[in-house]
Amino acid sequence: MVFEQVRAIVAEKLSLNPEDITLESDLQKDFNADSLDAVEIIMAVEDTFDIEVADDELMNIKTIKDIVDYIEKVKK
């Protein structure tokens, strides 16, 4: 499932316990992710799912659900 893969990526990049990551988790507010962290996460997501996240979409990605929803939208 997409969520589990995204959760694994975020956990690895931010050195978190995967169980601490929910769909509602906010990358910045909950995990103090900075812009470099966000870029690394998005690059890993792009590689894992063989997609490209448009620059204008990056500003809309705040939560884990935002990432999952974007992946599901472009992979249809």
N, C-alpha and C. Protein backbone atom coordinates (compact mmCIF):
# COMPACT_ATOMS: atom_id res chain seq x y z
N MET A 1 0.84 -1.19 0.00
CA MET A 1 0.00 0.00 0.00
C MET A 1 0.88 1.25 0.00
N VAL A 2 0.39 2.30 -0.60
CA VAL A 2 1.16 3.53 -0.75
C VAL A 2 1.54 4.12 0.61
N PHE A 3 0.60 4.14 1.53
CA PHE A 3 0.88 4.75 2.84
C PHE A 3 2.07 4.09 3.52
N GLU A 4 2.12 2.77 3.52
CA GLU A 4 3.21 2.07 4.19
C GLU A 4 4.56 2.41 3.55
N GLN A 5 4.59 2.52 2.23
CA GLN A 5 5.84 2.85 1.56
C GLN A 5 6.26 4.28 1.89
N VAL A 6 5.32 5.20 1.88
CA VAL A 6 5.62 6.59 2.22
C VAL A 6 6.08 6.68 3.67
N ARG A 7 5.39 5.98 4.55
CA ARG A 7 5.76 5.99 5.97
C ARG A 7 7.19 5.47 6.15
N ALA A 8 7.55 4.42 5.44
CA ALA A 8 8.91 3.88 5.54
C ALA A 8 9.95 4.89 5.05
N ILE A 9 9.64 5.59 3.97
CA ILE A 9 10.56 6.61 3.44
C ILE A 9 10.75 7.72 4.46
N VAL A 10 9.65 8.24 4.98
CA VAL A 10 9.73 9.34 5.94
C VAL A 10 10.45 8.90 7.21
N ALA A 11 10.15 7.71 7.68
CA ALA A 11 10.82 7.19 8.88
C ALA A 11 12.32 7.11 8.67
N GLU A 12 12.73 6.61 7.51
CA GLU A 12 14.16 6.49 7.21
C GLU A 12 14.83 7.86 7.12
N LYS A 13 14.22 8.76 6.36
CA LYS A 13 14.84 10.08 6.12
C LYS A 13 14.89 10.94 7.37
N LEU A 14 13.92 10.77 8.27
CA LEU A 14 13.87 11.61 9.47
C LEU A 14 14.26 10.85 10.74
N SER A 15 14.71 9.62 10.58
CA SER A 15 15.11 8.78 11.71
C SER A 15 14.00 8.68 12.75
N LEU A 16 12.83 8.27 12.28
CA LEU A 16 11.66 8.14 13.15
C LEU A 16 11.21 6.69 13.22
N ASN A 17 10.42 6.41 14.24
CA ASN A 17 9.77 5.11 14.35
C ASN A 17 8.55 5.15 13.43
N PRO A 18 8.43 4.20 12.50
CA PRO A 18 7.29 4.23 11.56
C PRO A 18 5.93 4.28 12.25
N GLU A 19 5.82 3.68 13.42
CA GLU A 19 4.54 3.68 14.13
C GLU A 19 4.14 5.09 14.60
N ASP A 20 5.09 6.00 14.64
CA ASP A 20 4.80 7.38 15.04
C ASP A 20 4.26 8.22 13.89
N ILE A 21 4.21 7.65 12.70
CA ILE A 21 3.80 8.39 11.51
C ILE A 21 2.39 7.96 11.10
N THR A 22 1.50 8.95 11.03
CA THR A 22 0.12 8.69 10.61
C THR A 22 -0.17 9.51 9.35
N LEU A 23 -1.31 9.26 8.75
CA LEU A 23 -1.70 10.05 7.58
C LEU A 23 -1.81 11.53 7.93
N GLU A 24 -2.21 11.83 9.14
CA GLU A 24 -2.41 13.22 9.56
C GLU A 24 -1.12 13.91 9.97
N SER A 25 -0.03 13.17 10.07
CA SER A 25 1.24 13.76 10.52
C SER A 25 1.67 14.88 9.59
N ASP A 26 2.02 16.02 10.19
CA ASP A 26 2.51 17.18 9.44
C ASP A 26 4.04 17.13 9.49
N LEU A 27 4.66 17.14 8.33
CA LEU A 27 6.12 16.99 8.26
C LEU A 27 6.84 18.06 9.07
N GLN A 28 6.41 19.29 8.94
CA GLN A 28 7.10 20.38 9.63
C GLN A 28 6.67 20.48 11.10
N LYS A 29 5.38 20.51 11.35
CA LYS A 29 4.89 20.72 12.71
C LYS A 29 5.17 19.53 13.63
N ASP A 30 4.95 18.32 13.12
CA ASP A 30 5.10 17.14 13.97
C ASP A 30 6.52 16.61 14.04
N PHE A 31 7.29 16.77 12.96
CA PHE A 31 8.61 16.17 12.89
C PHE A 31 9.74 17.16 12.70
N ASN A 32 9.42 18.45 12.71
CA ASN A 32 10.43 19.51 12.53
C ASN A 32 11.26 19.32 11.27
N ALA A 33 10.63 18.83 10.21
CA ALA A 33 11.34 18.64 8.95
C ALA A 33 11.58 20.01 8.31
N ASP A 34 12.80 20.22 7.86
CA ASP A 34 13.10 21.48 7.18
C ASP A 34 13.01 21.27 5.67
N SER A 35 13.35 22.30 4.92
CA SER A 35 13.20 22.22 3.46
C SER A 35 14.12 21.16 2.86
N LEU A 36 15.30 20.98 3.41
CA LEU A 36 16.20 19.95 2.91
C LEU A 36 15.61 18.56 3.16
N ASP A 37 15.04 18.35 4.35
CA ASP A 37 14.38 17.08 4.64
C ASP A 37 13.26 16.82 3.64
N ALA A 38 12.47 17.86 3.37
CA ALA A 38 11.36 17.72 2.44
C ALA A 38 11.85 17.33 1.05
N VAL A 39 12.92 17.96 0.60
CA VAL A 39 13.48 17.64 -0.72
C VAL A 39 13.95 16.19 -0.75
N GLU A 40 14.62 15.73 0.29
CA GLU A 40 15.10 14.35 0.34
C GLU A 40 13.93 13.36 0.33
N ILE A 41 12.87 13.68 1.06
CA ILE A 41 11.70 12.81 1.10
C ILE A 41 11.05 12.76 -0.28
N ILE A 42 10.86 13.91 -0.90
CA ILE A 42 10.22 13.94 -2.22
C ILE A 42 11.08 13.21 -3.25
N MET A 43 12.39 13.38 -3.20
CA MET A 43 13.27 12.67 -4.14
C MET A 43 13.13 11.15 -3.96
N ALA A 44 13.07 10.71 -2.71
CA ALA A 44 12.91 9.27 -2.45
C ALA A 44 11.55 8.77 -2.92
N VAL A 45 10.52 9.59 -2.73
CA VAL A 45 9.18 9.22 -3.20
C VAL A 45 9.18 9.12 -4.73
N GLU A 46 9.81 10.08 -5.38
CA GLU A 46 9.89 10.05 -6.85
C GLU A 46 10.58 8.79 -7.34
N ASP A 47 11.69 8.43 -6.70
CA ASP A 47 12.43 7.23 -7.09
C ASP A 47 11.61 5.97 -6.84
N THR A 48 11.00 5.89 -5.67
CA THR A 48 10.25 4.69 -5.29
C THR A 48 9.05 4.45 -6.18
N PHE A 49 8.33 5.52 -6.50
CA PHE A 49 7.08 5.38 -7.25
C PHE A 49 7.22 5.72 -8.73
N ASP A 50 8.44 6.04 -9.15
CA ASP A 50 8.72 6.37 -10.55
C ASP A 50 7.78 7.47 -11.05
N ILE A 51 7.75 8.56 -10.28
CA ILE A 51 6.94 9.73 -10.64
C ILE A 51 7.81 10.97 -10.54
N GLU A 52 7.28 12.08 -10.99
CA GLU A 52 7.94 13.36 -10.81
C GLU A 52 6.94 14.30 -10.16
N VAL A 53 7.34 14.88 -9.04
CA VAL A 53 6.48 15.83 -8.33
C VAL A 53 6.75 17.21 -8.90
N ALA A 54 5.72 17.81 -9.46
CA ALA A 54 5.86 19.14 -10.05
C ALA A 54 6.20 20.17 -8.97
N ASP A 55 7.05 21.13 -9.33
CA ASP A 55 7.47 22.15 -8.36
C ASP A 55 6.30 22.88 -7.74
N ASP A 56 5.27 23.18 -8.52
CA ASP A 56 4.13 23.90 -7.97
C ASP A 56 3.32 23.04 -7.00
N GLU A 57 3.46 21.72 -7.08
CA GLU A 57 2.78 20.82 -6.14
C GLU A 57 3.51 20.74 -4.80
N LEU A 58 4.80 21.02 -4.80
CA LEU A 58 5.58 20.91 -3.56
C LEU A 58 5.01 21.78 -2.45
N MET A 59 4.52 22.94 -2.79
CA MET A 59 3.97 23.86 -1.78
C MET A 59 2.70 23.31 -1.13
N ASN A 60 2.03 22.39 -1.81
CA ASN A 60 0.79 21.82 -1.29
C ASN A 60 1.02 20.60 -0.40
N ILE A 61 2.25 20.14 -0.34
CA ILE A 61 2.54 18.93 0.43
C ILE A 61 2.99 19.32 1.84
N LYS A 62 2.11 19.06 2.78
CA LYS A 62 2.39 19.37 4.19
C LYS A 62 2.34 18.12 5.06
N THR A 63 1.41 17.23 4.73
CA THR A 63 1.19 16.05 5.56
C THR A 63 1.51 14.77 4.79
N ILE A 64 1.56 13.68 5.51
CA ILE A 64 1.76 12.38 4.89
C ILE A 64 0.61 12.09 3.93
N LYS A 65 -0.61 12.45 4.32
CA LYS A 65 -1.78 12.26 3.45
C LYS A 65 -1.63 13.03 2.15
N ASP A 66 -1.06 14.22 2.20
CA ASP A 66 -0.83 14.99 0.97
C ASP A 66 0.06 14.22 0.00
N ILE A 67 1.10 13.59 0.53
CA ILE A 67 2.02 12.81 -0.30
C ILE A 67 1.29 11.61 -0.90
N VAL A 68 0.58 10.87 -0.04
CA VAL A 68 -0.15 9.68 -0.49
C VAL A 68 -1.18 10.05 -1.54
N ASP A 69 -1.95 11.11 -1.29
CA ASP A 69 -2.97 11.54 -2.24
C ASP A 69 -2.35 11.92 -3.59
N TYR A 70 -1.24 12.61 -3.56
CA TYR A 70 -0.57 13.01 -4.80
C TYR A 70 -0.12 11.78 -5.58
N ILE A 71 0.49 10.84 -4.91
CA ILE A 71 0.96 9.62 -5.57
C ILE A 71 -0.21 8.88 -6.21
N GLU A 72 -1.29 8.73 -5.45
CA GLU A 72 -2.45 8.01 -5.96
C GLU A 72 -3.08 8.73 -7.16
N LYS A 73 -3.02 10.07 -7.14
CA LYS A 73 -3.58 10.86 -8.24
C LYS A 73 -2.76 10.67 -9.52
N VAL A 74 -1.44 10.72 -9.42
CA VAL A 74 -0.61 10.64 -10.62
C VAL A 74 -0.39 9.21 -11.11
N LYS A 75 -0.62 8.23 -10.26
CA LYS A 75 -0.40 6.83 -10.66
C LYS A 75 -1.65 6.21 -11.26
N LYS A 76 -2.75 6.93 -11.37
CA LYS A 76 -3.99 6.38 -11.93
C LYS A 76 -3.82 6.08 -13.40
